C-alpha cells in the first residue's frame, strides 16, 4: 500500500472525470489535495467534499485558467504557501475534433495553451522544490494521442506528443535527485485510451447519431475502430495507476508513458 501521509498533491482539472478519480485515489492514501478546475462555487465545493470523504485530511480549491501564465504562477505560489506540491498531476485538458481545413488559430492556441503550455509552467515551478527535498512525483495525463495520431485532431495530438516529449526531458534533468530512501523525483505520463469521461461525449454523440441516437452503439462504434479490448476504462483505474506511480517502489520508474488503452497503441 502507498502511504501519502504528510504529502500534498496538486491535481489540475480535478473537479470531474479522471482528475477527480486521481484526486480521490491520492486522498485515500492520506494525501492533502489541492483541487483545481474551472468550476462555479457549488461545483468546487462538491469536489472538495468528495475528496475529503475519500480520505484527504485536507482539501482546498484553487482556480486558474491554464492558458494564463500569470494565473498559473499565482496558483503555484498559493499551493507552495499551503505546503506543496509534493505530487503534481497535470490532468487539465481540452479537445476539439477539427480538420486542418476547418481549424482556426484560436482553436490551436487554446488547446496548446491548456494541454501543453500549462503543463510546462506547473512543472517548471514545482520541480526545483521537489529536487531540494529529494522527493517528488509528476504525473502528466497525456493520451494515446501522445503516442499515435488520428485524423481531425492535429492541435490535440500536437499538444499530447509535446507533453510526452517534455516529460522525458524533465525526467532526465531530475533523474538523480534524491535517493531510494527519500523516494527520488520522477516524471511520467499516463496515456488513456477511451475512458468514460465528458471529454469523449461529443465523439460518442456523433457516432450515436449514425445509429439512431443509440449511445451504447455509438460507444461500441468508437471502440471497434481503435481499442482492441472493446472495453472502455473507468477513471478509477487511472487513479489506481497514478497512486502506484507515487509509491516509493516506483522511484526508478521515470520518463515513461504508460498506455491504458486496451491494446490501441500495440497495433
Protein backbone atom coordinates (compact mmCIF):
# COMPACT_ATOMS: atom_id res chain seq x y z
CA UNK A 1 0.00 0.00 0.00
CA UNK A 2 1.17 3.51 -0.79
CA UNK A 3 1.14 5.83 2.23
CA UNK A 4 1.00 9.51 1.27
CA UNK A 5 0.50 10.83 4.78
CA UNK A 6 2.16 14.24 5.05
CA UNK A 7 2.27 14.71 1.27
CA UNK A 8 0.41 17.40 -0.67
CA UNK A 9 -0.85 16.74 -4.19
CA UNK A 10 -1.99 19.25 -6.79
CA UNK A 11 -4.28 17.67 -9.37
CA UNK A 12 -5.30 20.02 -12.17
CA UNK A 13 -8.70 19.51 -13.72
CA UNK A 14 -9.86 17.56 -10.68
CA UNK A 15 -13.49 18.57 -10.31
CA UNK A 16 -14.66 15.71 -12.52
CA UNK A 17 -13.62 12.71 -14.57
CA UNK A 18 -10.09 11.31 -14.49
CA UNK A 19 -8.77 14.20 -12.40
CA UNK A 20 -11.37 13.69 -9.68
CA UNK A 21 -10.70 9.94 -9.67
CA UNK A 22 -6.95 10.52 -9.28
CA UNK A 23 -7.53 13.06 -6.50
CA UNK A 24 -9.72 10.55 -4.65
CA UNK A 25 -7.12 7.80 -5.04
CA UNK A 26 -4.40 10.02 -3.59
CA UNK A 27 -6.75 11.18 -0.84
CA UNK A 28 -7.44 7.57 0.08
CA UNK A 29 -3.70 7.14 0.67
CA UNK A 30 -3.64 10.10 3.06
CA UNK A 31 -2.54 12.98 0.84
CA UNK A 32 -3.79 16.52 1.20
CA UNK A 33 -5.21 17.57 -2.16
CA UNK A 34 -5.13 20.90 -3.94
CA UNK A 35 -8.19 20.70 -6.16
CA UNK A 36 -8.24 22.68 -9.40
CA UNK A 37 -10.60 23.40 -12.24
CA UNK A 38 -12.79 25.92 -13.96
CA UNK A 39 -15.82 25.47 -11.75
CA UNK A 40 -18.52 27.53 -10.09
CA UNK A 41 -18.50 27.68 -6.26
CA UNK A 42 -21.02 24.86 -5.91
CA UNK A 43 -19.06 22.52 -8.21
CA UNK A 44 -15.80 23.36 -6.45
CA UNK A 45 -17.33 22.77 -3.02
CA UNK A 46 -18.80 19.44 -4.13
CA UNK A 47 -15.44 18.22 -5.47
CA UNK A 48 -13.62 19.24 -2.29
CA UNK A 49 -16.23 17.46 -0.16
CA UNK A 50 -15.98 14.30 -2.26
CA UNK A 51 -12.19 14.25 -1.99
CA UNK A 52 -12.30 14.78 1.78
CA UNK A 53 -14.82 11.95 2.04
CA UNK A 54 -12.34 9.74 0.15
CA UNK A 55 -9.81 10.25 2.94
CA UNK A 56 -7.94 13.51 2.37
CA UNK A 57 -7.01 15.10 5.71
CA UNK A 58 -7.50 18.43 3.96
CA UNK A 59 -8.54 19.63 0.52
CA UNK A 60 -8.72 23.12 -0.90
CA UNK A 61 -9.85 24.52 -4.23
CA UNK A 62 -7.51 26.59 -6.41
CA UNK A 63 -8.72 28.30 -9.58
CA UNK A 64 -6.52 29.15 -12.55
CA UNK A 65 -7.02 29.32 -16.30
CA UNK A 66 -4.21 27.10 -17.55
CA UNK A 67 -3.81 29.34 -20.63
CA UNK A 68 -2.92 32.30 -18.42
CA UNK A 69 0.72 32.15 -17.27
CA UNK A 70 0.20 34.72 -14.54
CA UNK A 71 -2.77 32.78 -13.18
CA UNK A 72 -0.78 29.54 -13.15
CA UNK A 73 2.11 31.25 -11.38
CA UNK A 74 -0.27 32.63 -8.75
CA UNK A 75 -1.84 29.21 -8.22
CA UNK A 76 1.55 27.54 -7.85
CA UNK A 77 2.66 30.18 -5.34
CA UNK A 78 -0.56 29.67 -3.36
CA UNK A 79 -0.11 25.89 -3.35
CA UNK A 80 3.52 26.32 -2.27
CA UNK A 81 2.38 28.51 0.62
CA UNK A 82 -0.04 25.72 1.55
CA UNK A 83 2.87 23.27 1.69
CA UNK A 84 3.10 21.67 -1.72
CA UNK A 85 3.06 20.21 -4.19
CA UNK A 86 4.99 17.04 -3.41
CA UNK A 87 2.92 15.41 -6.13
CA UNK A 88 1.84 17.21 -9.30
CA UNK A 89 -0.74 15.64 -11.57
CA UNK A 90 -1.38 17.58 -14.77
CA UNK A 91 -4.77 16.39 -15.90
CA UNK A 92 -6.50 19.57 -17.11
CA UNK A 93 -7.11 19.35 -20.82
CA UNK A 94 -9.39 20.33 -23.66
CA UNK A 95 -10.06 18.79 -27.05
CA UNK A 96 -11.79 19.78 -30.25
CA UNK A 97 -12.14 17.45 -33.19
CA UNK A 98 -11.46 19.55 -36.26
CA UNK A 99 -9.71 19.13 -39.60
CA UNK A 100 -6.79 21.22 -40.83
CA UNK A 101 -9.16 22.82 -43.35
CA UNK A 102 -11.66 23.83 -40.68
CA UNK A 103 -9.33 24.70 -37.77
CA UNK A 104 -8.53 28.27 -36.80
CA UNK A 105 -5.81 29.99 -34.80
CA UNK A 106 -7.99 30.32 -31.70
CA UNK A 107 -8.54 26.56 -31.52
CA UNK A 108 -4.81 25.88 -31.80
CA UNK A 109 -3.91 28.50 -29.21
CA UNK A 110 -6.48 27.27 -26.68
CA UNK A 111 -5.57 23.58 -26.93
CA UNK A 112 -1.81 24.18 -26.87
CA UNK A 113 -2.25 26.70 -24.06
CA UNK A 114 -4.12 24.34 -21.73
CA UNK A 115 -2.70 20.96 -22.71
CA UNK A 116 0.97 21.84 -23.23
CA UNK A 117 1.95 25.30 -22.02
CA UNK A 118 0.01 24.94 -18.78
CA UNK A 119 1.80 21.66 -18.07
CA UNK A 120 5.18 23.26 -18.79
CA UNK A 121 4.57 26.10 -16.36
CA UNK A 122 3.40 23.93 -13.46
CA UNK A 123 6.39 21.63 -13.94
CA UNK A 124 8.99 24.40 -14.09
CA UNK A 125 7.58 25.87 -10.90
CA UNK A 126 7.22 22.60 -8.97
CA UNK A 127 10.27 20.52 -9.86
CA UNK A 128 13.06 22.58 -8.24
CA UNK A 129 11.45 22.33 -4.79
CA UNK A 130 10.87 18.61 -5.29
CA UNK A 131 14.57 18.19 -6.06
CA UNK A 132 15.56 20.11 -2.93
CA UNK A 133 13.56 17.80 -0.68
CA UNK A 134 14.59 14.63 -2.56
CA UNK A 135 11.04 13.53 -3.28
CA UNK A 136 8.60 14.44 -5.98
CA UNK A 137 6.17 12.91 -8.39
CA UNK A 138 4.99 14.48 -11.61
CA UNK A 139 2.31 12.55 -13.46
CA UNK A 140 1.13 14.05 -16.71
CA UNK A 141 -2.08 12.71 -18.16
CA UNK A 142 -1.23 12.51 -21.84
CA UNK A 143 -3.33 10.31 -24.13
CA UNK A 144 -2.92 7.59 -26.67
CA UNK A 145 -2.76 10.64 -28.92
CA UNK A 146 0.59 11.41 -27.39
CA UNK A 147 1.82 8.18 -28.99
CA UNK A 148 -0.23 7.78 -32.18
CA UNK A 149 -2.28 10.08 -34.37
CA UNK A 150 -5.89 10.23 -35.53
CA UNK A 151 -7.45 12.36 -38.22
CA UNK A 152 -9.08 15.67 -37.31
CA UNK A 153 -7.08 16.06 -34.11
CA UNK A 154 -3.94 17.98 -35.13
CA UNK A 155 -3.92 20.51 -32.24
CA UNK A 156 -4.74 17.85 -29.64
CA UNK A 157 -2.21 15.33 -30.97
CA UNK A 158 0.47 18.04 -31.15
CA UNK A 159 -0.20 19.03 -27.55
CA UNK A 160 -0.07 15.48 -26.23
CA UNK A 161 3.05 14.49 -28.21
CA UNK A 162 4.58 17.63 -26.71
CA UNK A 163 3.65 16.57 -23.18
CA UNK A 164 5.24 13.15 -23.69
CA UNK A 165 8.47 14.63 -25.05
CA UNK A 166 8.67 17.35 -22.42
CA UNK A 167 8.14 14.79 -19.66
CA UNK A 168 11.11 12.78 -20.92
CA UNK A 169 13.31 15.89 -20.75
CA UNK A 170 12.20 16.65 -17.19
CA UNK A 171 12.71 13.03 -16.17
CA UNK A 172 16.30 13.17 -17.40
CA UNK A 173 17.02 16.50 -15.73
CA UNK A 174 15.77 15.28 -12.33
CA UNK A 175 16.62 11.56 -12.50
CA UNK A 176 19.47 11.81 -9.99
CA UNK A 177 17.56 13.95 -7.49
CA UNK A 178 17.04 12.36 -4.10
CA UNK A 179 17.66 8.72 -3.34
CA UNK A 180 15.91 5.41 -2.89
CA UNK A 181 15.45 6.27 0.77
CA UNK A 182 13.95 9.70 0.09
CA UNK A 183 11.89 8.42 -2.87
CA UNK A 184 13.55 10.37 -5.66
CA UNK A 185 11.90 12.63 -8.22
CA UNK A 186 10.12 11.01 -11.13
CA UNK A 187 8.25 12.36 -14.14
CA UNK A 188 5.92 10.06 -16.05
CA UNK A 189 2.90 10.10 -18.33
CA UNK A 190 -0.26 8.04 -18.33
CA UNK A 191 -1.84 7.67 -21.76
CA UNK A 192 -5.51 6.71 -21.50
CA UNK A 193 -7.44 5.40 -24.46
CA UNK A 194 -11.22 5.57 -24.49
CA UNK A 195 -12.24 6.34 -20.92
CA UNK A 196 -15.72 7.13 -19.61
CA UNK A 197 -15.39 10.90 -19.22
CA UNK A 198 -17.12 14.01 -20.50
CA UNK A 199 -14.33 14.78 -22.99
CA UNK A 200 -15.35 11.88 -25.27
CA UNK A 201 -19.07 12.74 -25.27
CA UNK A 202 -19.02 14.84 -28.49
CA UNK A 203 -17.45 11.92 -30.36
CA UNK A 204 -19.87 9.45 -28.78
CA UNK A 205 -22.78 11.67 -29.79
CA UNK A 206 -21.52 11.90 -33.37
CA UNK A 207 -21.26 8.12 -33.61
CA UNK A 208 -24.61 7.60 -31.85
CA UNK A 209 -26.28 9.82 -34.44
CA UNK A 210 -25.26 7.26 -37.06
CA UNK A 211 -27.18 4.64 -35.08
CA UNK A 212 -30.44 6.43 -34.47
CA UNK A 213 -29.20 8.15 -31.30
CA UNK A 214 -28.26 4.92 -29.54
CA UNK A 215 -25.38 5.89 -27.19
CA UNK A 216 -24.32 2.29 -26.50
CA UNK A 217 -23.94 1.67 -30.21
CA UNK A 218 -22.02 4.92 -30.55
CA UNK A 219 -19.56 3.81 -27.86
CA UNK A 220 -19.25 0.37 -29.46
CA UNK A 221 -18.51 2.02 -32.80
CA UNK A 222 -15.66 4.06 -31.29
CA UNK A 223 -14.19 1.06 -29.51
CA UNK A 224 -14.35 -1.21 -32.53
CA UNK A 225 -12.34 1.27 -34.58
CA UNK A 226 -9.45 1.82 -32.16
CA UNK A 227 -9.47 -0.19 -28.92
CA UNK A 228 -9.00 -3.96 -29.38
CA UNK A 229 -10.31 -4.84 -25.91
CA UNK A 230 -13.69 -3.33 -26.88
CA UNK A 231 -13.88 -2.06 -23.29
CA UNK A 232 -13.67 1.48 -22.00
CA UNK A 233 -11.63 2.28 -18.90
CA UNK A 234 -13.15 3.65 -15.72
CA UNK A 235 -11.49 6.80 -14.35
CA UNK A 236 -10.80 5.00 -11.06
CA UNK A 237 -8.45 2.66 -12.93
CA UNK A 238 -6.34 5.63 -14.00
CA UNK A 239 -6.41 6.79 -10.38
CA UNK A 240 -5.06 3.44 -9.18
CA UNK A 241 -2.14 3.64 -11.62
CA UNK A 242 -1.33 7.22 -10.60
CA UNK A 243 -1.28 6.15 -6.96
CA UNK A 244 1.17 3.33 -7.72
CA UNK A 245 3.49 5.77 -9.51
CA UNK A 246 3.62 7.77 -6.26
CA UNK A 247 4.84 4.73 -4.32
CA UNK A 248 8.44 4.54 -3.06
CA UNK A 249 8.90 1.33 -5.08
CA UNK A 250 8.39 3.39 -8.25
CA UNK A 251 11.49 5.52 -7.60
CA UNK A 252 13.21 4.15 -10.71
CA UNK A 253 10.17 4.41 -12.98
CA UNK A 254 10.73 7.71 -14.73
CA UNK A 255 10.48 9.09 -18.24
CA UNK A 256 7.92 6.52 -19.31
CA UNK A 257 4.47 6.76 -20.84
CA UNK A 258 2.10 4.02 -19.73
CA UNK A 259 -0.87 3.39 -22.03
CA UNK A 260 -4.20 2.32 -20.56
CA UNK A 261 -5.78 1.70 -23.93
CA UNK A 262 -6.92 -1.88 -24.37
CA UNK A 263 -4.17 -2.56 -26.92
CA UNK A 264 -4.76 0.54 -29.07
CA UNK A 265 -1.10 1.52 -29.30
CA UNK A 266 0.07 -2.10 -29.60
CA UNK A 267 -1.30 -2.27 -33.13
